[in-house]
Amino acid sequence: MIYEVRLIKGLLHPYDFFYQLQNAEEVRNLTKRIVFLFIASILIFTIGAYFGIGNDIISNELTSVSAGEFETKKLFFALGQILWGVCYPALLLFIPALYFWSLTDIPYKKVLTLQFFAVSILIAEKAIFMFLAFQLGLDKDSSPLSLGIIAQSLTDNLFVTSFFGQISLIGIFVIWLQYKGLVYLSERKPRVLFLIVLSIHLLYWVISALLSYIKFEKLL
């Protein structure tokens, strides 16, 4: 059986996607879809940089540096965002895929296909957040899609609010998609597969929260 990667169809009918991937002897169009994913990510981060989303550190220096230095910092920020548009999908796509592959009996290309669907959702979430950030001036911890708002009502601890700000409703759906996909593709116990999926997400949440918690502008 040959499985052709079709993103929209797979997301609308996930159980059909799991079944077809499970029985596939060959996966087609994956590389092309991944290239499109990277292009979409670069465009989203470039647009975000153009509208100044996430450049709070630079904006705070508006009155303390010269106009030329400020414009230079804006340029480096934009270049950094474009570079992050490449790194973001790469980190989310290949590291979890290697992790799942190393701990299961699933062929790597099938794991990578499953992860492609997961990362596509996360890229779409990033676009939604950037739109909300531009329209409402929200940071990630205050996104209505995340648990950060609830955490902010319970504590002022920046690490805690940043950690829960990484956990979103869309992210929870991604966890479900990865878990159910691995259950279909692997013979390992579902409980073990759930812990495998949860552990990689916990790692990303903790790292992201730490990066938000550390005030890099004080280190520069």
N, C-alpha and C. Protein backbone atom coordinates (compact mmCIF):
# COMPACT_ATOMS: atom_id res chain seq x y z
N MET A 1 0.84 -1.20 0.00
CA MET A 1 0.00 0.00 0.00
C MET A 1 0.88 1.25 0.00
N ILE A 2 0.53 2.22 -0.85
CA ILE A 2 1.27 3.48 -0.94
C ILE A 2 0.45 4.57 -0.26
N TYR A 3 1.08 5.30 0.65
CA TYR A 3 0.40 6.40 1.32
C TYR A 3 0.97 7.72 0.83
N GLU A 4 0.11 8.59 0.32
CA GLU A 4 0.52 9.92 -0.11
C GLU A 4 0.13 10.92 0.97
N VAL A 5 1.09 11.71 1.40
CA VAL A 5 0.87 12.66 2.49
C VAL A 5 -0.08 13.76 2.02
N ARG A 6 -1.24 13.84 2.68
CA ARG A 6 -2.23 14.88 2.40
C ARG A 6 -2.64 15.48 3.74
N LEU A 7 -2.17 16.68 3.98
CA LEU A 7 -2.29 17.29 5.31
C LEU A 7 -3.75 17.50 5.72
N ILE A 8 -4.51 18.21 4.92
CA ILE A 8 -5.89 18.56 5.30
C ILE A 8 -6.73 17.30 5.48
N LYS A 9 -6.63 16.39 4.53
CA LYS A 9 -7.41 15.15 4.61
C LYS A 9 -7.02 14.35 5.85
N GLY A 10 -5.74 14.32 6.16
CA GLY A 10 -5.28 13.58 7.33
C GLY A 10 -5.77 14.18 8.63
N LEU A 11 -5.82 15.51 8.70
CA LEU A 11 -6.28 16.18 9.92
C LEU A 11 -7.79 16.07 10.09
N LEU A 12 -8.52 16.08 8.97
CA LEU A 12 -9.98 15.96 9.04
C LEU A 12 -10.42 14.54 9.35
N HIS A 13 -9.61 13.58 8.95
CA HIS A 13 -9.94 12.16 9.18
C HIS A 13 -8.72 11.46 9.79
N PRO A 14 -8.40 11.78 11.04
CA PRO A 14 -7.16 11.26 11.64
C PRO A 14 -7.10 9.74 11.74
N TYR A 15 -8.25 9.09 12.01
CA TYR A 15 -8.21 7.64 12.15
C TYR A 15 -7.94 6.95 10.81
N ASP A 16 -8.47 7.53 9.74
CA ASP A 16 -8.14 7.01 8.41
C ASP A 16 -6.64 7.20 8.13
N PHE A 17 -6.12 8.36 8.54
CA PHE A 17 -4.69 8.64 8.37
C PHE A 17 -3.85 7.62 9.14
N PHE A 18 -4.21 7.36 10.40
CA PHE A 18 -3.46 6.39 11.21
C PHE A 18 -3.48 5.01 10.55
N TYR A 19 -4.65 4.60 10.08
CA TYR A 19 -4.79 3.26 9.48
C TYR A 19 -3.96 3.16 8.20
N GLN A 20 -4.06 4.17 7.35
CA GLN A 20 -3.32 4.14 6.08
C GLN A 20 -1.81 4.16 6.32
N LEU A 21 -1.37 4.97 7.29
CA LEU A 21 0.06 5.02 7.58
C LEU A 21 0.54 3.71 8.18
N GLN A 22 -0.30 3.10 9.00
CA GLN A 22 0.04 1.82 9.62
C GLN A 22 0.30 0.75 8.57
N ASN A 23 -0.51 0.73 7.53
CA ASN A 23 -0.43 -0.32 6.52
C ASN A 23 0.38 0.08 5.29
N ALA A 24 0.96 1.26 5.31
CA ALA A 24 1.71 1.74 4.15
C ALA A 24 3.04 1.02 4.02
N GLU A 25 3.35 0.62 2.81
CA GLU A 25 4.66 0.06 2.49
C GLU A 25 5.59 1.15 1.96
N GLU A 26 4.99 2.25 1.51
CA GLU A 26 5.77 3.37 0.99
C GLU A 26 5.03 4.67 1.30
N VAL A 27 5.79 5.70 1.69
CA VAL A 27 5.22 7.03 1.96
C VAL A 27 5.74 7.98 0.90
N ARG A 28 4.82 8.66 0.21
CA ARG A 28 5.20 9.56 -0.86
C ARG A 28 4.89 11.02 -0.50
N ASN A 29 5.62 11.92 -1.13
CA ASN A 29 5.42 13.38 -1.03
C ASN A 29 5.78 13.96 0.33
N LEU A 30 6.43 13.20 1.19
CA LEU A 30 6.77 13.72 2.51
C LEU A 30 7.80 14.85 2.42
N THR A 31 8.85 14.63 1.63
CA THR A 31 9.90 15.65 1.52
C THR A 31 9.35 16.96 0.98
N LYS A 32 8.51 16.87 -0.04
CA LYS A 32 7.91 18.07 -0.62
C LYS A 32 7.05 18.81 0.41
N ARG A 33 6.28 18.06 1.19
CA ARG A 33 5.42 18.68 2.21
C ARG A 33 6.27 19.33 3.31
N ILE A 34 7.38 18.72 3.65
CA ILE A 34 8.26 19.29 4.68
C ILE A 34 8.87 20.60 4.18
N VAL A 35 9.26 20.64 2.91
CA VAL A 35 9.80 21.88 2.33
C VAL A 35 8.76 22.99 2.40
N PHE A 36 7.51 22.67 2.05
CA PHE A 36 6.43 23.66 2.13
C PHE A 36 6.22 24.12 3.57
N LEU A 37 6.37 23.19 4.51
CA LEU A 37 6.22 23.53 5.92
C LEU A 37 7.27 24.54 6.36
N PHE A 38 8.50 24.33 5.94
CA PHE A 38 9.58 25.27 6.28
C PHE A 38 9.34 26.63 5.64
N ILE A 39 8.88 26.64 4.40
CA ILE A 39 8.59 27.91 3.73
C ILE A 39 7.49 28.66 4.47
N ALA A 40 6.44 27.94 4.87
CA ALA A 40 5.34 28.57 5.62
C ALA A 40 5.84 29.14 6.93
N SER A 41 6.70 28.40 7.62
CA SER A 41 7.24 28.86 8.90
C SER A 41 8.07 30.13 8.72
N ILE A 42 8.93 30.14 7.71
CA ILE A 42 9.76 31.32 7.45
C ILE A 42 8.89 32.54 7.15
N LEU A 43 7.84 32.35 6.35
CA LEU A 43 6.93 33.45 6.02
C LEU A 43 6.23 33.98 7.26
N ILE A 44 5.76 33.08 8.12
CA ILE A 44 5.05 33.49 9.33
C ILE A 44 5.96 34.28 10.26
N PHE A 45 7.18 33.80 10.46
CA PHE A 45 8.11 34.50 11.35
C PHE A 45 8.58 35.82 10.73
N THR A 46 8.70 35.86 9.41
CA THR A 46 9.08 37.10 8.74
C THR A 46 7.99 38.15 8.88
N ILE A 47 6.75 37.74 8.70
CA ILE A 47 5.62 38.66 8.88
C ILE A 47 5.56 39.15 10.32
N GLY A 48 5.78 38.23 11.26
CA GLY A 48 5.79 38.62 12.67
C GLY A 48 6.87 39.64 12.97
N ALA A 49 8.05 39.45 12.37
CA ALA A 49 9.15 40.40 12.57
C ALA A 49 8.81 41.75 11.96
N TYR A 50 8.16 41.73 10.80
CA TYR A 50 7.79 42.98 10.13
C TYR A 50 6.86 43.83 10.99
N PHE A 51 5.93 43.17 11.68
CA PHE A 51 4.99 43.88 12.54
C PHE A 51 5.51 44.06 13.96
N GLY A 52 6.75 43.64 14.20
CA GLY A 52 7.37 43.89 15.50
C GLY A 52 6.89 43.01 16.63
N ILE A 53 6.34 41.85 16.30
CA ILE A 53 5.84 40.95 17.33
C ILE A 53 7.02 40.29 18.03
N GLY A 54 7.10 40.47 19.34
CA GLY A 54 8.16 39.86 20.13
C GLY A 54 9.40 40.72 20.30
N ASN A 55 9.37 41.96 19.81
CA ASN A 55 10.57 42.81 19.92
C ASN A 55 10.48 43.77 21.11
N ASP A 56 9.86 43.31 22.20
CA ASP A 56 9.69 44.16 23.38
C ASP A 56 11.03 44.63 23.94
N ILE A 57 12.03 43.74 23.94
CA ILE A 57 13.35 44.10 24.48
C ILE A 57 13.94 45.28 23.72
N ILE A 58 13.79 45.25 22.40
CA ILE A 58 14.32 46.34 21.58
C ILE A 58 13.52 47.61 21.79
N SER A 59 12.20 47.49 21.86
CA SER A 59 11.35 48.66 22.04
C SER A 59 11.65 49.38 23.34
N ASN A 60 12.02 48.63 24.36
CA ASN A 60 12.33 49.24 25.66
C ASN A 60 13.58 50.12 25.60
N GLU A 61 14.40 49.92 24.55
CA GLU A 61 15.63 50.70 24.42
C GLU A 61 15.47 51.90 23.49
N LEU A 62 14.24 52.17 23.08
CA LEU A 62 14.00 53.22 22.10
C LEU A 62 14.57 54.57 22.52
N THR A 63 14.44 54.90 23.81
CA THR A 63 14.88 56.22 24.29
C THR A 63 16.31 56.22 24.82
N SER A 64 16.93 55.04 24.88
CA SER A 64 18.27 54.96 25.49
C SER A 64 19.39 54.75 24.49
N VAL A 65 19.05 54.55 23.22
CA VAL A 65 20.07 54.36 22.18
C VAL A 65 19.81 55.33 21.03
N SER A 66 20.82 55.49 20.19
CA SER A 66 20.68 56.38 19.04
C SER A 66 19.76 55.75 18.00
N ALA A 67 19.27 56.58 17.09
CA ALA A 67 18.36 56.09 16.05
C ALA A 67 19.04 55.04 15.18
N GLY A 68 20.32 55.27 14.85
CA GLY A 68 21.05 54.31 14.02
C GLY A 68 21.22 52.98 14.71
N GLU A 69 21.57 53.02 15.99
CA GLU A 69 21.75 51.78 16.75
C GLU A 69 20.42 51.05 16.91
N PHE A 70 19.35 51.80 17.09
CA PHE A 70 18.03 51.19 17.24
C PHE A 70 17.63 50.47 15.96
N GLU A 71 17.86 51.10 14.81
CA GLU A 71 17.53 50.47 13.53
C GLU A 71 18.38 49.24 13.28
N THR A 72 19.64 49.28 13.71
CA THR A 72 20.51 48.11 13.57
C THR A 72 19.99 46.94 14.39
N LYS A 73 19.56 47.24 15.61
CA LYS A 73 19.02 46.18 16.47
C LYS A 73 17.73 45.61 15.88
N LYS A 74 16.92 46.48 15.28
CA LYS A 74 15.70 46.00 14.62
C LYS A 74 16.03 45.07 13.47
N LEU A 75 17.09 45.41 12.73
CA LEU A 75 17.51 44.57 11.61
C LEU A 75 17.98 43.21 12.09
N PHE A 76 18.80 43.20 13.14
CA PHE A 76 19.28 41.92 13.68
C PHE A 76 18.13 41.10 14.26
N PHE A 77 17.15 41.79 14.85
CA PHE A 77 15.97 41.08 15.36
C PHE A 77 15.22 40.41 14.22
N ALA A 78 15.04 41.14 13.11
CA ALA A 78 14.33 40.58 11.96
C ALA A 78 15.08 39.38 11.38
N LEU A 79 16.40 39.51 11.26
CA LEU A 79 17.21 38.40 10.75
C LEU A 79 17.13 37.20 11.68
N GLY A 80 17.14 37.48 12.98
CA GLY A 80 17.02 36.40 13.96
C GLY A 80 15.69 35.68 13.86
N GLN A 81 14.62 36.44 13.61
CA GLN A 81 13.30 35.83 13.47
C GLN A 81 13.22 34.97 12.23
N ILE A 82 13.82 35.44 11.15
CA ILE A 82 13.84 34.64 9.92
C ILE A 82 14.61 33.34 10.15
N LEU A 83 15.75 33.44 10.83
CA LEU A 83 16.53 32.24 11.15
C LEU A 83 15.73 31.31 12.06
N TRP A 84 15.01 31.89 13.01
CA TRP A 84 14.19 31.08 13.91
C TRP A 84 13.05 30.41 13.14
N GLY A 85 12.62 31.05 12.05
CA GLY A 85 11.60 30.43 11.20
C GLY A 85 12.08 29.14 10.58
N VAL A 86 13.40 28.98 10.46
CA VAL A 86 13.98 27.72 9.98
C VAL A 86 14.20 26.76 11.14
N CYS A 87 14.73 27.27 12.24
CA CYS A 87 15.07 26.42 13.38
C CYS A 87 13.83 25.87 14.09
N TYR A 88 12.78 26.68 14.17
CA TYR A 88 11.58 26.28 14.91
C TYR A 88 10.98 24.98 14.39
N PRO A 89 10.64 24.87 13.09
CA PRO A 89 10.10 23.60 12.61
C PRO A 89 11.12 22.47 12.63
N ALA A 90 12.41 22.81 12.44
CA ALA A 90 13.44 21.77 12.46
C ALA A 90 13.53 21.11 13.83
N LEU A 91 13.53 21.93 14.88
CA LEU A 91 13.61 21.40 16.25
C LEU A 91 12.38 20.58 16.61
N LEU A 92 11.21 21.06 16.17
CA LEU A 92 9.96 20.37 16.50
C LEU A 92 9.72 19.14 15.64
N LEU A 93 10.33 19.11 14.47
CA LEU A 93 10.09 18.00 13.55
C LEU A 93 11.06 16.85 13.76
N PHE A 94 12.35 17.14 13.73
CA PHE A 94 13.34 16.07 13.68
C PHE A 94 13.72 15.51 15.06
N ILE A 95 13.80 16.36 16.08
CA ILE A 95 14.18 15.85 17.40
C ILE A 95 13.12 14.91 17.97
N PRO A 96 11.83 15.29 18.00
CA PRO A 96 10.83 14.33 18.48
C PRO A 96 10.75 13.08 17.62
N ALA A 97 10.89 13.24 16.30
CA ALA A 97 10.83 12.07 15.42
C ALA A 97 11.94 11.08 15.75
N LEU A 98 13.15 11.58 15.96
CA LEU A 98 14.26 10.71 16.34
C LEU A 98 14.02 10.09 17.71
N TYR A 99 13.45 10.86 18.61
CA TYR A 99 13.16 10.38 19.96
C TYR A 99 12.13 9.25 19.92
N PHE A 100 11.04 9.46 19.19
CA PHE A 100 10.00 8.43 19.08
C PHE A 100 10.55 7.19 18.38
N TRP A 101 11.32 7.40 17.32
CA TRP A 101 11.89 6.28 16.57
C TRP A 101 12.83 5.45 17.42
N SER A 102 13.63 6.12 18.26
CA SER A 102 14.61 5.40 19.08
C SER A 102 13.96 4.58 20.19
N LEU A 103 12.74 4.94 20.57
CA LEU A 103 12.08 4.27 21.70
C LEU A 103 10.94 3.36 21.27
N THR A 104 10.71 3.25 19.96
CA THR A 104 9.64 2.39 19.47
C THR A 104 10.18 1.49 18.36
N ASP A 105 9.28 0.69 17.82
CA ASP A 105 9.64 -0.22 16.73
C ASP A 105 9.12 0.29 15.38
N ILE A 106 8.90 1.59 15.28
CA ILE A 106 8.29 2.18 14.09
C ILE A 106 9.37 2.66 13.12
N PRO A 107 9.21 2.40 11.82
CA PRO A 107 10.16 2.93 10.83
C PRO A 107 10.24 4.46 10.92
N TYR A 108 11.44 4.99 10.72
CA TYR A 108 11.65 6.42 10.93
C TYR A 108 10.77 7.28 10.01
N LYS A 109 10.59 6.87 8.77
CA LYS A 109 9.82 7.70 7.84
C LYS A 109 8.37 7.81 8.28
N LYS A 110 7.83 6.75 8.88
CA LYS A 110 6.46 6.82 9.36
C LYS A 110 6.36 7.73 10.58
N VAL A 111 7.36 7.66 11.44
CA VAL A 111 7.37 8.57 12.60
C VAL A 111 7.50 10.01 12.14
N LEU A 112 8.34 10.24 11.14
CA LEU A 112 8.53 11.59 10.61
C LEU A 112 7.24 12.11 9.97
N THR A 113 6.51 11.22 9.32
CA THR A 113 5.23 11.60 8.72
C THR A 113 4.24 12.03 9.79
N LEU A 114 4.15 11.25 10.85
CA LEU A 114 3.27 11.59 11.97
C LEU A 114 3.67 12.93 12.57
N GLN A 115 4.96 13.15 12.74
CA GLN A 115 5.44 14.39 13.33
C GLN A 115 5.22 15.58 12.40
N PHE A 116 5.24 15.34 11.10
CA PHE A 116 4.94 16.40 10.14
C PHE A 116 3.55 16.97 10.37
N PHE A 117 2.59 16.09 10.61
CA PHE A 117 1.23 16.54 10.88
C PHE A 117 1.18 17.35 12.18
N ALA A 118 1.89 16.88 13.20
CA ALA A 118 1.91 17.57 14.49
C ALA A 118 2.51 18.97 14.36
N VAL A 119 3.63 19.07 13.66
CA VAL A 119 4.31 20.36 13.53
C VAL A 119 3.50 21.31 12.65
N SER A 120 2.80 20.79 11.66
CA SER A 120 1.94 21.64 10.83
C SER A 120 0.89 22.34 11.68
N ILE A 121 0.34 21.61 12.64
CA ILE A 121 -0.64 22.19 13.56
C ILE A 121 0.01 23.27 14.42
N LEU A 122 1.20 23.00 14.92
CA LEU A 122 1.90 23.96 15.77
C LEU A 122 2.30 25.22 15.00
N ILE A 123 2.64 25.07 13.72
CA ILE A 123 2.94 26.24 12.89
C ILE A 123 1.68 27.07 12.69
N ALA A 124 0.55 26.40 12.47
CA ALA A 124 -0.72 27.12 12.35
C ALA A 124 -1.06 27.85 13.64
N GLU A 125 -0.79 27.20 14.78
CA GLU A 125 -1.02 27.85 16.07
C GLU A 125 -0.14 29.09 16.21
N LYS A 126 1.09 29.00 15.76
CA LYS A 126 2.00 30.15 15.81
C LYS A 126 1.43 31.32 15.01
N ALA A 127 0.86 31.03 13.85
CA ALA A 127 0.26 32.08 13.02
C ALA A 127 -0.94 32.71 13.73
N ILE A 128 -1.76 31.88 14.36
CA ILE A 128 -2.92 32.39 15.10
C ILE A 128 -2.47 33.28 16.25
N PHE A 129 -1.45 32.84 16.98
CA PHE A 129 -0.95 33.64 18.10
C PHE A 129 -0.40 34.98 17.62
N MET A 130 0.34 34.97 16.52
CA MET A 130 0.90 36.23 16.02
C MET A 130 -0.21 37.19 15.62
N PHE A 131 -1.29 36.67 15.07
CA PHE A 131 -2.43 37.52 14.72
C PHE A 131 -3.04 38.12 15.98
N LEU A 132 -3.23 37.29 17.02
CA LEU A 132 -3.78 37.79 18.27
C LEU A 132 -2.84 38.79 18.94
N ALA A 133 -1.54 38.50 18.87
CA ALA A 133 -0.56 39.40 19.47
C ALA A 133 -0.58 40.76 18.79
N PHE A 134 -0.74 40.76 17.47
CA PHE A 134 -0.77 42.02 16.72
C PHE A 134 -2.06 42.79 16.99
N GLN A 135 -3.18 42.07 17.03
CA GLN A 135 -4.47 42.72 17.20
C GLN A 135 -4.73 43.17 18.64
N LEU A 136 -4.32 42.33 19.61
CA LEU A 136 -4.66 42.58 21.00
C LEU A 136 -3.47 42.94 21.87
N GLY A 137 -2.26 42.85 21.32
CA GLY A 137 -1.07 43.18 22.10
C GLY A 137 -0.77 42.17 23.19
N LEU A 138 -1.09 40.91 22.95
CA LEU A 138 -0.89 39.87 23.96
C LEU A 138 0.49 39.25 23.84
N ASP A 139 1.05 38.82 24.98
CA ASP A 139 2.23 37.97 24.93
C ASP A 139 1.77 36.53 25.01
N LYS A 140 2.70 35.59 24.84
CA LYS A 140 2.32 34.18 24.78
C LYS A 140 1.68 33.70 26.07
N ASP A 141 2.16 34.21 27.21
CA ASP A 141 1.61 33.78 28.49
C ASP A 141 0.16 34.22 28.66
N SER A 142 -0.26 35.24 27.91
CA SER A 142 -1.62 35.77 28.02
C SER A 142 -2.51 35.33 26.87
N SER A 143 -2.02 34.42 26.06
CA SER A 143 -2.81 33.95 24.92
C SER A 143 -4.05 33.21 25.40
N PRO A 144 -5.22 33.49 24.80
CA PRO A 144 -6.44 32.77 25.18
C PRO A 144 -6.39 31.30 24.80
N LEU A 145 -5.40 30.92 23.99
CA LEU A 145 -5.26 29.52 23.59
C LEU A 145 -4.49 28.69 24.62
N SER A 146 -3.84 29.37 25.59
CA SER A 146 -2.97 28.66 26.53
C SER A 146 -3.53 28.69 27.94
N LEU A 147 -2.86 27.94 28.83
CA LEU A 147 -3.23 27.92 30.24
C LEU A 147 -2.53 29.03 31.02
N GLY A 148 -1.79 29.88 30.32
CA GLY A 148 -1.06 30.95 30.98
C GLY A 148 -1.96 31.93 31.71
N ILE A 149 -3.14 32.20 31.14
CA ILE A 149 -4.07 33.13 31.78
C ILE A 149 -4.52 32.60 33.13
N ILE A 150 -4.82 31.30 33.18
CA ILE A 150 -5.23 30.69 34.45
C ILE A 150 -4.09 30.75 35.45
N ALA A 151 -2.88 30.46 35.00
CA ALA A 151 -1.72 30.49 35.90
C ALA A 151 -1.48 31.89 36.44
N GLN A 152 -1.69 32.91 35.62
CA GLN A 152 -1.48 34.29 36.05
C GLN A 152 -2.47 34.70 37.13
N SER A 153 -3.65 34.09 37.13
CA SER A 153 -4.64 34.41 38.16
C SER A 153 -4.35 33.71 39.48
N LEU A 154 -3.42 32.75 39.46
CA LEU A 154 -3.11 31.97 40.66
C LEU A 154 -1.76 32.32 41.27
N THR A 155 -0.83 32.81 40.44
CA THR A 155 0.52 33.09 40.95
C THR A 155 1.18 34.20 40.14
N ASP A 156 2.15 34.86 40.76
CA ASP A 156 2.96 35.87 40.07
C ASP A 156 4.32 35.33 39.65
N ASN A 157 4.57 34.04 39.94
CA ASN A 157 5.85 33.44 39.60
C ASN A 157 6.01 33.37 38.08
N LEU A 158 7.03 34.06 37.57
CA LEU A 158 7.21 34.17 36.12
C LEU A 158 7.47 32.82 35.47
N PHE A 159 8.25 31.96 36.13
CA PHE A 159 8.54 30.65 35.54
C PHE A 159 7.26 29.82 35.42
N VAL A 160 6.44 29.85 36.47
CA VAL A 160 5.20 29.06 36.46
C VAL A 160 4.26 29.56 35.37
N THR A 161 4.07 30.87 35.29
CA THR A 161 3.17 31.41 34.27
C THR A 161 3.72 31.17 32.87
N SER A 162 5.04 31.23 32.72
CA SER A 162 5.65 30.95 31.42
C SER A 162 5.49 29.49 31.05
N PHE A 163 5.64 28.60 32.04
CA PHE A 163 5.50 27.17 31.79
C PHE A 163 4.09 26.85 31.31
N PHE A 164 3.09 27.34 32.05
CA PHE A 164 1.71 27.04 31.66
C PHE A 164 1.31 27.81 30.40
N GLY A 165 2.03 28.91 30.13
CA GLY A 165 1.78 29.62 28.88
C GLY A 165 2.17 28.82 27.66
N GLN A 166 3.04 27.82 27.84
CA GLN A 166 3.44 26.95 26.73
C GLN A 166 2.39 25.88 26.44
N ILE A 167 1.51 25.62 27.41
CA ILE A 167 0.52 24.55 27.27
C ILE A 167 -0.76 25.15 26.70
N SER A 168 -1.13 24.76 25.52
CA SER A 168 -2.31 25.31 24.86
C SER A 168 -3.29 24.19 24.51
N LEU A 169 -4.50 24.59 24.19
CA LEU A 169 -5.51 23.62 23.77
C LEU A 169 -5.08 22.93 22.48
N ILE A 170 -4.48 23.69 21.59
CA ILE A 170 -3.99 23.11 20.34
C ILE A 170 -2.84 22.16 20.62
N GLY A 171 -1.97 22.53 21.57
CA GLY A 171 -0.87 21.65 21.95
C GLY A 171 -1.35 20.34 22.54
N ILE A 172 -2.43 20.40 23.31
CA ILE A 172 -3.01 19.18 23.88
C ILE A 172 -3.55 18.28 22.76
N PHE A 173 -4.15 18.89 21.74
CA PHE A 173 -4.61 18.11 20.59
C PHE A 173 -3.44 17.45 19.88
N VAL A 174 -2.33 18.16 19.79
CA VAL A 174 -1.12 17.59 19.16
C VAL A 174 -0.64 16.37 19.94
N ILE A 175 -0.66 16.47 21.27
CA ILE A 175 -0.27 15.33 22.10
C ILE A 175 -1.17 14.14 21.82
N TRP A 176 -2.47 14.40 21.72
CA TRP A 176 -3.41 13.32 21.41
C TRP A 176 -3.10 12.71 20.05
N LEU A 177 -2.84 13.56 19.05
CA LEU A 177 -2.55 13.07 17.70
C LEU A 177 -1.30 12.20 17.69
N GLN A 178 -0.26 12.65 18.36
CA GLN A 178 0.98 11.87 18.41
C GLN A 178 0.76 10.55 19.15
N TYR A 179 0.07 10.62 20.26
CA TYR A 179 -0.17 9.42 21.06
C TYR A 179 -0.98 8.39 20.27
N LYS A 180 -2.10 8.81 19.70
CA LYS A 180 -2.94 7.86 18.96
C LYS A 180 -2.20 7.32 17.74
N GLY A 181 -1.40 8.18 17.09
CA GLY A 181 -0.63 7.71 15.95
C GLY A 181 0.37 6.65 16.34
N LEU A 182 1.07 6.86 17.45
CA LEU A 182 2.05 5.87 17.92
C LEU A 182 1.37 4.58 18.35
N VAL A 183 0.18 4.69 18.93
CA VAL A 183 -0.56 3.48 19.32
C VAL A 183 -0.88 2.63 18.10
N TYR A 184 -1.27 3.29 17.01
CA TYR A 184 -1.56 2.56 15.78
C TYR A 184 -0.31 1.95 15.17
N LEU A 185 0.80 2.67 15.26
CA LEU A 185 2.01 2.26 14.55
C LEU A 185 2.92 1.34 15.34
N SER A 186 2.79 1.34 16.66
CA SER A 186 3.72 0.59 17.51
C SER A 186 3.00 -0.51 18.27
N GLU A 187 3.77 -1.53 18.64
CA GLU A 187 3.24 -2.62 19.45
C GLU A 187 3.52 -2.42 20.94
N ARG A 188 4.16 -1.31 21.29
CA ARG A 188 4.43 -1.04 22.70
C ARG A 188 3.14 -0.68 23.42
N LYS A 189 3.16 -0.81 24.74
CA LYS A 189 1.97 -0.55 25.53
C LYS A 189 1.56 0.92 25.42
N PRO A 190 0.25 1.18 25.33
CA PRO A 190 -0.23 2.56 25.21
C PRO A 190 0.25 3.46 26.34
N ARG A 191 0.34 2.93 27.55
CA ARG A 191 0.79 3.74 28.68
C ARG A 191 2.22 4.22 28.47
N VAL A 192 3.06 3.31 27.96
CA VAL A 192 4.46 3.66 27.70
C VAL A 192 4.53 4.71 26.59
N LEU A 193 3.73 4.55 25.56
CA LEU A 193 3.73 5.50 24.45
C LEU A 193 3.26 6.88 24.90
N PHE A 194 2.27 6.91 25.79
CA PHE A 194 1.80 8.20 26.31
C PHE A 194 2.91 8.90 27.09
N LEU A 195 3.63 8.15 27.90
CA LEU A 195 4.73 8.74 28.67
C LEU A 195 5.85 9.23 27.75
N ILE A 196 6.09 8.51 26.67
CA ILE A 196 7.10 8.94 25.70
C ILE A 196 6.71 10.28 25.08
N VAL A 197 5.45 10.38 24.66
CA VAL A 197 4.97 11.63 24.05
C VAL A 197 4.98 12.76 25.07
N LEU A 198 4.47 12.50 26.26
CA LEU A 198 4.38 13.54 27.28
C LEU A 198 5.77 14.04 27.68
N SER A 199 6.74 13.13 27.76
CA SER A 199 8.07 13.52 28.22
C SER A 199 8.74 14.52 27.28
N ILE A 200 8.58 14.34 25.97
CA ILE A 200 9.22 15.27 25.03
C ILE A 200 8.54 16.63 25.10
N HIS A 201 7.23 16.65 25.32
CA HIS A 201 6.53 17.92 25.46
C HIS A 201 6.92 18.63 26.75
N LEU A 202 7.05 17.87 27.82
CA LEU A 202 7.48 18.47 29.09
C LEU A 202 8.86 19.10 28.94
N LEU A 203 9.74 18.43 28.23
CA LEU A 203 11.08 18.97 28.00
C LEU A 203 11.01 20.30 27.25
N TYR A 204 10.22 20.35 26.20
CA TYR A 204 10.09 21.58 25.42
C TYR A 204 9.45 22.69 26.26
N TRP A 205 8.44 22.34 27.06
CA TRP A 205 7.78 23.36 27.89
C TRP A 205 8.73 23.95 28.91
N VAL A 206 9.52 23.08 29.55
CA VAL A 206 10.46 23.56 30.56
C VAL A 206 11.53 24.45 29.93
N ILE A 207 12.08 24.01 28.80
CA ILE A 207 13.11 24.81 28.13
C ILE A 207 12.55 26.17 27.69
N SER A 208 11.35 26.15 27.11
CA SER A 208 10.73 27.40 26.67
C SER A 208 10.44 28.33 27.84
N ALA A 209 9.98 27.75 28.96
CA ALA A 209 9.70 28.56 30.15
C ALA A 209 10.99 29.16 30.71
N LEU A 210 12.06 28.40 30.70
CA LEU A 210 13.35 28.91 31.18
C LEU A 210 13.85 30.05 30.30
N LEU A 211 13.68 29.90 28.99
CA LEU A 211 14.11 30.95 28.07
C LEU A 211 13.31 32.23 28.27
N SER A 212 12.02 32.07 28.63
CA SER A 212 11.19 33.24 28.92
C SER A 212 11.53 33.83 30.27
N TYR A 213 11.91 32.96 31.21
CA TYR A 213 12.18 33.39 32.59
C TYR A 213 13.49 34.17 32.68
N ILE A 214 14.49 33.74 31.91
CA ILE A 214 15.80 34.40 31.94
C ILE A 214 15.71 35.73 31.20
N LYS A 215 16.14 36.78 31.84
CA LYS A 215 16.12 38.10 31.22
C LYS A 215 17.40 38.29 30.40
N PHE A 216 17.34 37.93 29.13
CA PHE A 216 18.53 37.98 28.30
C PHE A 216 19.04 39.41 28.09
N GLU A 217 18.11 40.38 28.14
CA GLU A 217 18.58 41.75 27.92
C GLU A 217 19.51 42.21 29.02
N LYS A 218 19.45 41.57 30.21
CA LYS A 218 20.35 41.93 31.30
C LYS A 218 21.72 41.28 31.15
N LEU A 219 21.78 40.29 30.25
CA LEU A 219 23.04 39.59 30.03
C LEU A 219 23.84 40.20 28.89
N LEU A 220 23.18 41.04 28.12
CA LEU A 220 23.83 41.61 26.94
C LEU A 220 24.67 42.83 27.31
